[in-house]
Protein backbone atom coordinates (compact mmCIF):
# COMPACT_ATOMS: atom_id res chain seq x y z
CA UNK A 1 205.52 72.60 63.00
CA UNK A 2 206.51 73.47 59.59
CA UNK A 3 208.95 76.52 59.25
CA UNK A 4 206.67 78.50 57.23
CA UNK A 5 203.83 78.45 60.00
CA UNK A 6 206.54 79.15 62.53
CA UNK A 7 207.55 82.37 60.26
CA UNK A 8 203.96 83.52 59.58
CA UNK A 9 203.16 83.16 63.37
CA UNK A 10 206.34 85.42 64.01
CA UNK A 11 205.57 88.10 61.38
CA UNK A 12 202.01 88.17 63.00
CA UNK A 13 203.65 88.85 66.29
CA UNK A 14 205.58 91.55 64.99
CA UNK A 15 202.75 93.31 63.29
CA UNK A 16 200.68 92.97 66.46
CA UNK A 17 203.37 94.51 68.46
CA UNK A 18 203.74 97.53 66.26
CA UNK A 19 200.06 98.40 66.05
CA UNK A 20 199.45 98.02 69.94
CA UNK A 21 202.40 99.98 70.60
CA UNK A 22 201.26 102.80 68.20
CA UNK A 23 197.83 102.90 69.95
CA UNK A 24 199.07 103.08 73.31
CA UNK A 25 201.58 105.84 72.37
CA UNK A 26 198.72 107.86 70.93
CA UNK A 27 197.30 110.90 73.12
CA UNK A 28 194.07 109.19 73.39
CA UNK A 29 194.26 105.48 73.39
CA UNK A 30 190.45 104.50 73.47
CA UNK A 31 189.76 106.83 70.44
CA UNK A 32 192.87 105.39 68.57
CA UNK A 33 191.60 101.82 69.39
CA UNK A 34 188.25 102.62 67.93
CA UNK A 35 189.63 104.37 64.98
CA UNK A 36 192.04 101.44 64.27
CA UNK A 37 188.81 99.09 64.41
CA UNK A 38 186.81 101.13 62.38
CA UNK A 39 189.37 101.51 59.50
CA UNK A 40 189.92 97.73 59.95
CA UNK A 41 186.36 97.12 59.00
CA UNK A 42 186.51 99.39 56.02
CA UNK A 43 189.34 97.13 54.85
CA UNK A 44 187.33 93.96 55.66
CA UNK A 45 184.34 95.11 53.50
CA UNK A 46 185.84 94.40 50.18
CA UNK A 47 187.52 91.23 51.58
CA UNK A 48 184.06 89.89 52.91
CA UNK A 49 182.27 90.77 49.50
CA UNK A 50 185.02 88.71 47.71
CA UNK A 51 185.24 85.86 50.13
CA UNK A 52 181.60 85.66 51.22
CA UNK A 53 180.14 84.87 54.51
CA UNK A 54 181.52 82.09 56.74
CA UNK A 55 179.68 78.77 57.05
CA UNK A 56 176.95 78.57 59.60
CA UNK A 57 179.11 76.43 61.93
CA UNK A 58 181.47 79.24 62.53
CA UNK A 59 178.81 81.95 63.63
CA UNK A 60 178.55 80.87 67.30
CA UNK A 61 182.29 80.89 67.68
CA UNK A 62 182.45 84.19 65.61
CA UNK A 63 179.82 86.01 67.90
CA UNK A 64 181.54 84.55 71.18
CA UNK A 65 184.87 86.09 69.79
CA UNK A 66 183.60 89.48 69.23
CA UNK A 67 182.25 89.48 73.01
CA UNK A 68 185.50 88.04 74.46
CA UNK A 69 187.34 90.60 72.20
CA UNK A 70 185.44 93.89 73.43
CA UNK A 71 185.92 92.52 77.26
CA UNK A 72 189.69 92.06 76.48
CA UNK A 73 189.88 95.55 74.98
CA UNK A 74 188.07 97.13 78.00
CA UNK A 75 190.15 95.26 80.59
CA UNK A 76 193.40 96.06 78.85
CA UNK A 77 192.59 99.84 78.55
CA UNK A 78 191.87 99.89 82.30
CA UNK A 79 195.00 97.92 82.95
CA UNK A 80 197.12 100.19 80.88
CA UNK A 81 195.72 103.39 82.76
CA UNK A 82 196.60 101.87 85.95
CA UNK A 83 199.82 99.56 85.46
CA UNK A 84 201.04 100.81 82.09
CA UNK A 85 201.53 99.02 78.84
CA UNK A 86 204.98 97.59 79.86
CA UNK A 87 203.36 95.64 82.83
CA UNK A 88 199.89 94.79 81.74
CA UNK A 89 200.58 93.64 78.15
CA UNK A 90 203.16 90.95 78.89
CA UNK A 91 201.38 89.75 81.91
CA UNK A 92 197.97 89.51 79.90
CA UNK A 93 199.85 87.65 76.96
CA UNK A 94 201.52 85.31 79.60
CA UNK A 95 198.19 84.35 81.15
CA UNK A 96 196.63 83.84 77.86
CA UNK A 97 199.21 81.40 76.76
CA UNK A 98 199.15 79.50 79.95
CA UNK A 99 195.17 79.06 79.60
CA UNK A 100 195.24 78.25 75.91
CA UNK A 101 197.03 75.05 76.40
CA UNK A 102 194.58 73.19 78.64
CA UNK A 103 191.64 74.80 76.71
CA UNK A 104 193.01 73.68 73.35
CA UNK A 105 193.29 70.38 74.76
CA UNK A 106 189.71 70.49 76.02
CA UNK A 107 187.94 72.07 72.90
CA UNK A 108 190.33 70.76 69.91
CA UNK A 109 191.64 67.75 71.49
CA UNK A 110 195.33 68.95 71.04
CA UNK A 111 198.16 67.38 72.98
CA UNK A 112 201.56 68.87 72.89
CA UNK A 113 204.87 66.95 73.36
CA UNK A 114 207.48 67.88 75.95
CA UNK A 115 209.41 70.27 73.56
CA UNK A 116 206.40 72.09 72.72
CA UNK A 117 205.31 72.57 76.34
CA UNK A 118 209.03 73.42 77.28
CA UNK A 119 208.81 76.10 74.42
CA UNK A 120 205.36 77.66 75.81
CA UNK A 121 207.04 77.64 79.34
CA UNK A 122 210.03 79.75 78.04
CA UNK A 123 207.79 82.23 76.40
CA UNK A 124 205.61 82.51 79.45
CA UNK A 125 208.78 82.90 81.68
CA UNK A 126 210.15 85.60 79.14
CA UNK A 127 206.68 87.53 79.40
CA UNK A 128 207.05 87.39 83.20
CA UNK A 129 210.54 88.92 83.11
CA UNK A 130 209.49 91.76 80.88
CA UNK A 131 206.57 92.56 83.19
CA UNK A 132 208.71 92.32 86.20
CA UNK A 133 211.44 94.65 84.68
CA UNK A 134 208.81 97.34 83.58
CA UNK A 135 207.00 97.26 86.80
CA UNK A 136 210.31 97.59 88.99
CA UNK A 137 209.63 101.34 89.54
CA UNK A 138 205.87 101.15 89.87
CA UNK A 139 203.85 98.67 91.87
CA UNK A 140 200.87 96.63 90.53
CA UNK A 141 197.86 97.33 92.52
CA UNK A 142 195.28 94.85 93.22
CA UNK A 143 192.99 96.55 90.85
CA UNK A 144 195.52 96.70 88.17
CA UNK A 145 196.28 93.17 88.69
CA UNK A 146 192.66 92.17 88.43
CA UNK A 147 191.98 93.98 85.19
CA UNK A 148 195.34 92.59 83.70
CA UNK A 149 194.22 89.00 84.53
CA UNK A 150 190.81 89.53 83.23
CA UNK A 151 192.40 90.67 80.00
CA UNK A 152 194.52 87.51 79.92
CA UNK A 153 191.36 85.42 80.51
CA UNK A 154 189.41 87.06 77.88
CA UNK A 155 192.29 86.97 75.37
CA UNK A 156 192.49 83.14 75.77
CA UNK A 157 188.76 83.08 75.15
CA UNK A 158 188.85 84.83 71.92
CA UNK A 159 191.85 82.93 70.81
CA UNK A 160 190.15 79.79 71.36
CA UNK A 161 186.89 81.10 69.69
CA UNK A 162 188.76 82.38 66.62
CA UNK A 163 190.79 79.20 66.31
CA UNK A 164 187.73 77.03 66.43
CA UNK A 165 185.58 79.40 64.28
CA UNK A 166 187.88 79.78 61.41
CA UNK A 167 188.49 76.15 61.13
CA UNK A 168 184.76 75.74 60.43
CA UNK A 169 184.24 78.87 58.45
CA UNK A 170 185.65 77.72 54.88
CA UNK A 171 187.50 80.85 54.69
CA UNK A 172 189.94 82.42 56.83
CA UNK A 173 189.53 85.75 54.73
CA UNK A 174 185.87 85.75 55.24
CA UNK A 175 185.77 84.94 58.93
CA UNK A 176 188.55 87.57 59.67
CA UNK A 177 186.79 90.28 57.65
CA UNK A 178 183.54 89.66 59.37
CA UNK A 179 185.07 89.47 62.84
CA UNK A 180 186.65 92.96 62.08
CA UNK A 181 183.46 94.38 61.16
CA UNK A 182 181.65 93.15 64.24
CA UNK A 183 184.52 94.24 66.48
CA UNK A 184 184.32 97.73 65.09
CA UNK A 185 180.33 97.99 65.50
CA UNK A 186 180.92 96.81 69.14
CA UNK A 187 183.59 99.17 69.96
CA UNK A 188 181.73 102.11 68.32
CA UNK A 189 178.80 101.31 70.53
CA UNK A 190 180.92 100.97 73.56
CA UNK A 191 182.42 104.56 73.52
CA UNK A 192 179.60 106.18 71.79
CA UNK A 193 179.75 108.60 74.60
CA UNK A 194 183.28 109.90 73.41
CA UNK A 195 181.87 110.78 69.84
CA UNK A 196 180.66 109.29 66.53
CA UNK A 197 182.65 106.70 64.57
CA UNK A 198 183.39 109.34 61.95
CA UNK A 199 185.03 111.56 64.72
CA UNK A 200 187.28 108.82 65.95
CA UNK A 201 188.70 108.05 62.32
CA UNK A 202 189.02 111.75 61.58
CA UNK A 203 190.88 112.75 64.95
CA UNK A 204 193.16 109.52 65.09
CA UNK A 205 193.63 108.72 61.27
CA UNK A 206 197.50 109.33 61.39
CA UNK A 207 197.75 106.39 64.03
CA UNK A 208 194.52 104.45 62.96
CA UNK A 209 195.21 103.91 59.25
CA UNK A 210 198.64 102.19 59.67
CA UNK A 211 197.61 100.52 62.78
CA UNK A 212 194.59 99.12 60.97
CA UNK A 213 196.64 97.95 58.04
CA UNK A 214 199.11 96.05 60.47
CA UNK A 215 196.29 94.75 62.65
CA UNK A 216 194.23 93.22 59.67
CA UNK A 217 197.39 91.81 58.21
CA UNK A 218 198.32 90.31 61.71
CA UNK A 219 195.02 88.78 62.26
CA UNK A 220 194.39 87.29 58.94
CA UNK A 221 198.04 85.76 58.97
CA UNK A 222 197.41 84.21 62.46
CA UNK A 223 193.99 82.83 61.19
CA UNK A 224 195.61 81.09 58.25
CA UNK A 225 198.24 79.54 60.55
CA UNK A 226 195.43 78.17 63.01
CA UNK A 227 193.75 76.51 60.18
CA UNK A 228 196.96 74.50 59.66
CA UNK A 229 198.94 74.39 62.99
CA UNK A 230 198.33 73.41 66.63
CA UNK A 231 196.44 76.31 68.50
CA UNK A 232 198.67 76.44 71.50
CA UNK A 233 201.95 76.53 69.81
CA UNK A 234 200.90 79.13 67.24
CA UNK A 235 199.49 81.27 69.95
CA UNK A 236 202.72 81.12 72.02
CA UNK A 237 204.63 82.14 69.03
CA UNK A 238 202.15 84.98 68.28
CA UNK A 239 202.46 86.11 71.96
CA UNK A 240 205.96 86.81 71.31
CA UNK A 241 204.68 90.27 70.39
CA UNK A 242 205.56 91.38 73.87
CA UNK A 243 209.17 90.58 73.01
CA UNK A 244 209.01 92.42 69.63
CA UNK A 245 207.32 95.30 71.42
CA UNK A 246 210.66 95.43 73.50
CA UNK A 247 212.62 95.59 70.35
CA UNK A 248 210.75 98.33 68.84
CA UNK A 249 211.09 100.34 72.04
CA UNK A 250 214.77 99.68 72.00
CA UNK A 251 215.78 100.25 68.32
CA UNK A 252 213.08 102.72 67.32
CA UNK A 253 212.37 104.61 70.50
CA UNK A 254 215.84 104.44 71.66
CA UNK A 255 214.91 103.07 75.07
CA UNK A 256 217.51 101.37 77.05
CA UNK A 257 217.90 97.53 76.89
CA UNK A 258 218.63 96.36 80.31
CA UNK A 259 219.47 92.99 81.57
CA UNK A 260 215.88 91.84 82.02
CA UNK A 261 214.89 92.66 78.42
CA UNK A 262 218.10 90.87 77.13
CA UNK A 263 217.23 87.76 79.03
CA UNK A 264 213.63 87.99 77.93
CA UNK A 265 214.64 88.13 74.24
CA UNK A 266 217.04 85.36 74.52
CA UNK A 267 214.42 82.95 76.22
CA UNK A 268 211.87 83.80 73.58
CA UNK A 269 214.36 83.11 70.62
CA UNK A 270 215.28 79.72 72.65
CA UNK A 271 211.63 78.74 72.75
CA UNK A 272 211.29 79.10 68.75
CA UNK A 273 213.06 75.95 67.83
CA UNK A 274 211.39 74.15 70.68
CA UNK A 275 207.86 75.03 69.41
CA UNK A 276 208.97 74.13 65.84
CA UNK A 277 210.19 70.57 67.08
CA UNK A 278 207.07 70.10 69.28
C-alpha cells in the first residue's frame, strides 16, 4: 500500500476522532450530531453542483449506505448513553474492522497477505485494550453490549457500501457530497421531535461547524483512498481513529495516559508498517 494512501487514511482517522470527540463532549450529542450533519450537507451542496451526480451504478450502494449509517448513528448514541464513549466507540470500531475483512473478500474479491492480516489483528487488539481500560470502572450491560455490537455491524455495512459505491460513482467528490446530503435529511427526520433542522444548527453551531468541516474532509479523504487501495487495510488504518481519540484526550484534555493506553498506541503504531507491506 503506497505511503500516500497510508498517510491519507491516518489523517482521515485523526479528523474522524476529533469530530466524534467534539460531538460526544457536547451537552446534547443527538442535536450536535444532527447539526454537524446539516452543516456537512450545506458544505456538500456546492461540491455536488461542481462534481455532478454519481453514476447510476453507485445509487443502490449510496442508498444502502445512508440506511446503514442512520442505524449506526442510532445504535452508537444508545451505546454512548449506557456504556460511555470510551467503551462503546473502540468496541464498535473493532467489530467493524473484523467484519470488513471477510465482507471485502466476498463483495470485492480482495485477498490480504499475512502482513496485512497481522496489522488488522493488531489494530483490533489495540481497540479491545482501549475499551477494556475505559470500562474497568463501569460494567458493560447486556443492553449496552447489544447496541455496541449493532453499531459495529452497521458501521461495517456502510463502509462496504461506500467503498463499492464510490468505485462506481465516477467521482468521490460527488458521491461524498450526495451521501452527506442524504444523511442530513435522514437524521433531520429521525430527530424531528427535538426541533427543526434550523434549531439544531442554531443551538449547536459552535460544535457543529468545525465538526462538519472535519467530518466532510475525513469522509472525502477515505472515499478517495477506497478508490485506490484495498478496502480492509484502508478501513483498519482509518479505525485507528479510536487511538487518535486517546491522544486527543491525553494531550488536549489532560487525561491520564495509563498503561492500557500506552500499549494500545504502540500496537496501533506497529500495525501501520504491516498494513503498508500487506
